[in-house]
Amino acid sequence: MDPYLDILGKRIRAKRRELGMSQEGLAHEAGLDRSYVGRIERGEHNLTFVSLVRIARAMECDVAALTIGLPTASSKTGLEQ
């Protein structure tokens, strides 16, 4: 499991719960399958940017609010070569 997907999934779940939304409700509002939302929240699925935008829109928040600090400035992803 990728640690960034895990963190992002936890943030999505926390925001959804803060709003009192069910996974099914979020999936419906975002136009996604409920099982897909569940896999995202568990960090099991590498979601597309479009899916992230749909989720953020459904929760009436910015994508930035869900991704702030990802990755951390000190992290090395292997992409800086």
N, C-alpha and C. Protein backbone atom coordinates (compact mmCIF):
# COMPACT_ATOMS: atom_id res chain seq x y z
N MET A 1 0.85 -1.18 0.00
CA MET A 1 0.00 0.00 0.00
C MET A 1 0.89 1.24 0.00
N ASP A 2 0.56 2.17 -0.86
CA ASP A 2 1.31 3.41 -0.93
C ASP A 2 0.91 4.31 0.24
N PRO A 3 1.88 4.83 0.98
CA PRO A 3 1.53 5.65 2.15
C PRO A 3 0.75 6.91 1.79
N TYR A 4 0.99 7.47 0.61
CA TYR A 4 0.25 8.68 0.22
C TYR A 4 -1.22 8.36 -0.06
N LEU A 5 -1.48 7.21 -0.68
CA LEU A 5 -2.86 6.81 -0.93
C LEU A 5 -3.57 6.53 0.38
N ASP A 6 -2.84 5.96 1.33
CA ASP A 6 -3.41 5.69 2.65
C ASP A 6 -3.80 7.00 3.35
N ILE A 7 -2.91 7.97 3.32
CA ILE A 7 -3.18 9.27 3.95
C ILE A 7 -4.35 9.96 3.26
N LEU A 8 -4.34 9.98 1.93
CA LEU A 8 -5.43 10.62 1.19
C LEU A 8 -6.75 9.94 1.48
N GLY A 9 -6.77 8.63 1.50
CA GLY A 9 -7.99 7.88 1.81
C GLY A 9 -8.53 8.20 3.19
N LYS A 10 -7.64 8.29 4.16
CA LYS A 10 -8.06 8.63 5.53
C LYS A 10 -8.63 10.04 5.60
N ARG A 11 -8.04 10.97 4.83
CA ARG A 11 -8.55 12.35 4.81
C ARG A 11 -9.93 12.41 4.17
N ILE A 12 -10.12 11.65 3.10
CA ILE A 12 -11.43 11.62 2.45
C ILE A 12 -12.47 11.04 3.40
N ARG A 13 -12.13 9.94 4.07
CA ARG A 13 -13.05 9.32 5.01
C ARG A 13 -13.39 10.28 6.16
N ALA A 14 -12.38 10.94 6.69
CA ALA A 14 -12.61 11.87 7.81
C ALA A 14 -13.52 13.02 7.38
N LYS A 15 -13.30 13.57 6.21
CA LYS A 15 -14.13 14.67 5.72
C LYS A 15 -15.56 14.19 5.47
N ARG A 16 -15.70 13.01 4.88
CA ARG A 16 -17.02 12.44 4.63
C ARG A 16 -17.79 12.26 5.94
N ARG A 17 -17.12 11.71 6.93
CA ARG A 17 -17.77 11.50 8.24
C ARG A 17 -18.10 12.83 8.91
N GLU A 18 -17.20 13.80 8.79
CA GLU A 18 -17.44 15.14 9.34
C GLU A 18 -18.73 15.73 8.76
N LEU A 19 -18.98 15.44 7.50
CA LEU A 19 -20.17 15.94 6.82
C LEU A 19 -21.41 15.08 7.06
N GLY A 20 -21.22 13.95 7.75
CA GLY A 20 -22.33 13.05 8.02
C GLY A 20 -22.80 12.28 6.80
N MET A 21 -21.90 12.08 5.84
CA MET A 21 -22.23 11.36 4.61
C MET A 21 -21.86 9.90 4.73
N SER A 22 -22.66 9.06 4.12
CA SER A 22 -22.30 7.65 4.01
C SER A 22 -21.42 7.47 2.77
N GLN A 23 -20.75 6.34 2.68
CA GLN A 23 -19.98 6.05 1.47
C GLN A 23 -20.91 6.03 0.26
N GLU A 24 -22.08 5.45 0.45
CA GLU A 24 -23.05 5.38 -0.64
C GLU A 24 -23.48 6.78 -1.08
N GLY A 25 -23.72 7.66 -0.11
CA GLY A 25 -24.11 9.03 -0.42
C GLY A 25 -23.01 9.78 -1.16
N LEU A 26 -21.77 9.62 -0.69
CA LEU A 26 -20.65 10.27 -1.36
C LEU A 26 -20.50 9.73 -2.78
N ALA A 27 -20.58 8.43 -2.92
CA ALA A 27 -20.45 7.81 -4.24
C ALA A 27 -21.53 8.34 -5.19
N HIS A 28 -22.75 8.42 -4.70
CA HIS A 28 -23.86 8.92 -5.52
C HIS A 28 -23.61 10.36 -5.95
N GLU A 29 -23.24 11.22 -5.00
CA GLU A 29 -23.00 12.64 -5.31
C GLU A 29 -21.82 12.83 -6.26
N ALA A 30 -20.83 11.93 -6.16
CA ALA A 30 -19.63 12.05 -6.98
C ALA A 30 -19.76 11.29 -8.31
N GLY A 31 -20.82 10.51 -8.47
CA GLY A 31 -21.00 9.73 -9.69
C GLY A 31 -20.03 8.56 -9.78
N LEU A 32 -19.71 7.98 -8.61
CA LEU A 32 -18.78 6.86 -8.54
C LEU A 32 -19.46 5.66 -7.89
N ASP A 33 -18.87 4.49 -8.04
CA ASP A 33 -19.39 3.29 -7.40
C ASP A 33 -19.02 3.28 -5.93
N ARG A 34 -19.91 2.81 -5.07
CA ARG A 34 -19.66 2.79 -3.63
C ARG A 34 -18.43 1.96 -3.28
N SER A 35 -18.26 0.82 -3.94
CA SER A 35 -17.10 -0.03 -3.63
C SER A 35 -15.79 0.66 -4.04
N TYR A 36 -15.84 1.46 -5.08
CA TYR A 36 -14.67 2.24 -5.51
C TYR A 36 -14.31 3.26 -4.44
N VAL A 37 -15.30 3.94 -3.89
CA VAL A 37 -15.06 4.91 -2.81
C VAL A 37 -14.46 4.20 -1.60
N GLY A 38 -14.97 3.02 -1.29
CA GLY A 38 -14.43 2.25 -0.17
C GLY A 38 -12.97 1.90 -0.37
N ARG A 39 -12.62 1.47 -1.58
CA ARG A 39 -11.21 1.14 -1.87
C ARG A 39 -10.32 2.37 -1.79
N ILE A 40 -10.84 3.51 -2.23
CA ILE A 40 -10.07 4.76 -2.13
C ILE A 40 -9.83 5.11 -0.67
N GLU A 41 -10.88 5.03 0.15
CA GLU A 41 -10.75 5.38 1.57
C GLU A 41 -9.80 4.45 2.31
N ARG A 42 -9.69 3.22 1.86
CA ARG A 42 -8.76 2.26 2.49
C ARG A 42 -7.36 2.35 1.90
N GLY A 43 -7.16 3.25 0.92
CA GLY A 43 -5.84 3.40 0.31
C GLY A 43 -5.48 2.27 -0.62
N GLU A 44 -6.48 1.53 -1.09
CA GLU A 44 -6.24 0.36 -1.94
C GLU A 44 -6.29 0.68 -3.43
N HIS A 45 -6.71 1.89 -3.78
CA HIS A 45 -6.87 2.21 -5.20
C HIS A 45 -6.24 3.57 -5.51
N ASN A 46 -5.47 3.59 -6.58
CA ASN A 46 -4.83 4.83 -7.03
C ASN A 46 -5.83 5.58 -7.90
N LEU A 47 -6.58 6.48 -7.29
CA LEU A 47 -7.63 7.18 -8.00
C LEU A 47 -7.09 8.17 -9.01
N THR A 48 -7.92 8.47 -10.01
CA THR A 48 -7.54 9.46 -11.01
C THR A 48 -7.80 10.85 -10.45
N PHE A 49 -7.18 11.84 -11.09
CA PHE A 49 -7.40 13.22 -10.67
C PHE A 49 -8.87 13.60 -10.85
N VAL A 50 -9.49 13.12 -11.92
CA VAL A 50 -10.90 13.42 -12.16
C VAL A 50 -11.76 12.87 -11.02
N SER A 51 -11.47 11.66 -10.56
CA SER A 51 -12.21 11.09 -9.44
C SER A 51 -12.00 11.90 -8.17
N LEU A 52 -10.79 12.36 -7.95
CA LEU A 52 -10.50 13.20 -6.79
C LEU A 52 -11.29 14.50 -6.86
N VAL A 53 -11.35 15.10 -8.04
CA VAL A 53 -12.14 16.33 -8.22
C VAL A 53 -13.61 16.06 -7.95
N ARG A 54 -14.13 14.96 -8.44
CA ARG A 54 -15.54 14.61 -8.21
C ARG A 54 -15.84 14.42 -6.73
N ILE A 55 -14.93 13.76 -6.03
CA ILE A 55 -15.10 13.55 -4.59
C ILE A 55 -15.06 14.88 -3.85
N ALA A 56 -14.10 15.71 -4.19
CA ALA A 56 -13.98 17.02 -3.53
C ALA A 56 -15.23 17.86 -3.80
N ARG A 57 -15.70 17.86 -5.02
CA ARG A 57 -16.90 18.62 -5.36
C ARG A 57 -18.11 18.09 -4.59
N ALA A 58 -18.23 16.79 -4.48
CA ALA A 58 -19.36 16.19 -3.75
C ALA A 58 -19.33 16.57 -2.27
N MET A 59 -18.12 16.78 -1.74
CA MET A 59 -17.98 17.14 -0.33
C MET A 59 -17.84 18.66 -0.15
N GLU A 60 -17.99 19.40 -1.27
CA GLU A 60 -17.91 20.85 -1.26
C GLU A 60 -16.63 21.36 -0.60
N CYS A 61 -15.51 20.77 -1.04
CA CYS A 61 -14.20 21.23 -0.56
C CYS A 61 -13.23 21.26 -1.74
N ASP A 62 -12.12 21.92 -1.55
CA ASP A 62 -11.08 21.98 -2.58
C ASP A 62 -10.26 20.70 -2.56
N VAL A 63 -9.75 20.34 -3.74
CA VAL A 63 -8.81 19.23 -3.82
C VAL A 63 -7.63 19.50 -2.90
N ALA A 64 -7.21 20.76 -2.85
CA ALA A 64 -6.05 21.13 -2.02
C ALA A 64 -6.28 20.80 -0.55
N ALA A 65 -7.52 20.93 -0.08
CA ALA A 65 -7.81 20.64 1.32
C ALA A 65 -7.56 19.16 1.64
N LEU A 66 -7.71 18.30 0.64
CA LEU A 66 -7.51 16.87 0.85
C LEU A 66 -6.06 16.45 0.63
N THR A 67 -5.31 17.26 -0.12
CA THR A 67 -3.95 16.86 -0.49
C THR A 67 -2.86 17.72 0.11
N ILE A 68 -3.20 18.68 0.94
CA ILE A 68 -2.20 19.57 1.51
C ILE A 68 -1.09 18.76 2.21
N GLY A 69 0.15 19.13 1.89
CA GLY A 69 1.29 18.45 2.50
C GLY A 69 1.65 17.12 1.86
N LEU A 70 1.01 16.76 0.77
CA LEU A 70 1.32 15.51 0.08
C LEU A 70 1.97 15.83 -1.26
N PRO A 71 3.15 15.39 -1.52
CA PRO A 71 4.06 14.78 -0.56
C PRO A 71 4.71 15.85 0.31
N THR A 72 5.32 15.40 1.38
CA THR A 72 6.01 16.35 2.24
C THR A 72 7.26 16.84 1.51
N ALA A 73 7.67 18.02 1.84
CA ALA A 73 8.82 18.63 1.16
C ALA A 73 10.09 17.80 1.33
N SER A 74 10.18 17.05 2.40
CA SER A 74 11.40 16.28 2.66
C SER A 74 11.32 14.85 2.11
N SER A 75 10.18 14.45 1.53
CA SER A 75 10.05 13.07 1.06
C SER A 75 10.74 12.87 -0.28
N LYS A 76 11.19 11.66 -0.48
CA LYS A 76 11.83 11.27 -1.74
C LYS A 76 10.95 10.20 -2.38
N THR A 77 10.48 10.47 -3.60
CA THR A 77 9.60 9.50 -4.26
C THR A 77 10.33 8.70 -5.33
N GLY A 78 11.56 9.05 -5.62
CA GLY A 78 12.28 8.38 -6.68
C GLY A 78 12.03 9.03 -8.04
N LEU A 79 11.23 10.07 -8.08
CA LEU A 79 10.91 10.72 -9.33
C LEU A 79 11.82 11.91 -9.61
N GLU A 80 12.65 12.29 -8.67
CA GLU A 80 13.48 13.49 -8.81
C GLU A 80 14.76 13.24 -9.60
N GLN A 81 14.94 12.12 -10.19
CA GLN A 81 16.19 11.78 -10.88
C GLN A 81 16.40 12.57 -12.12
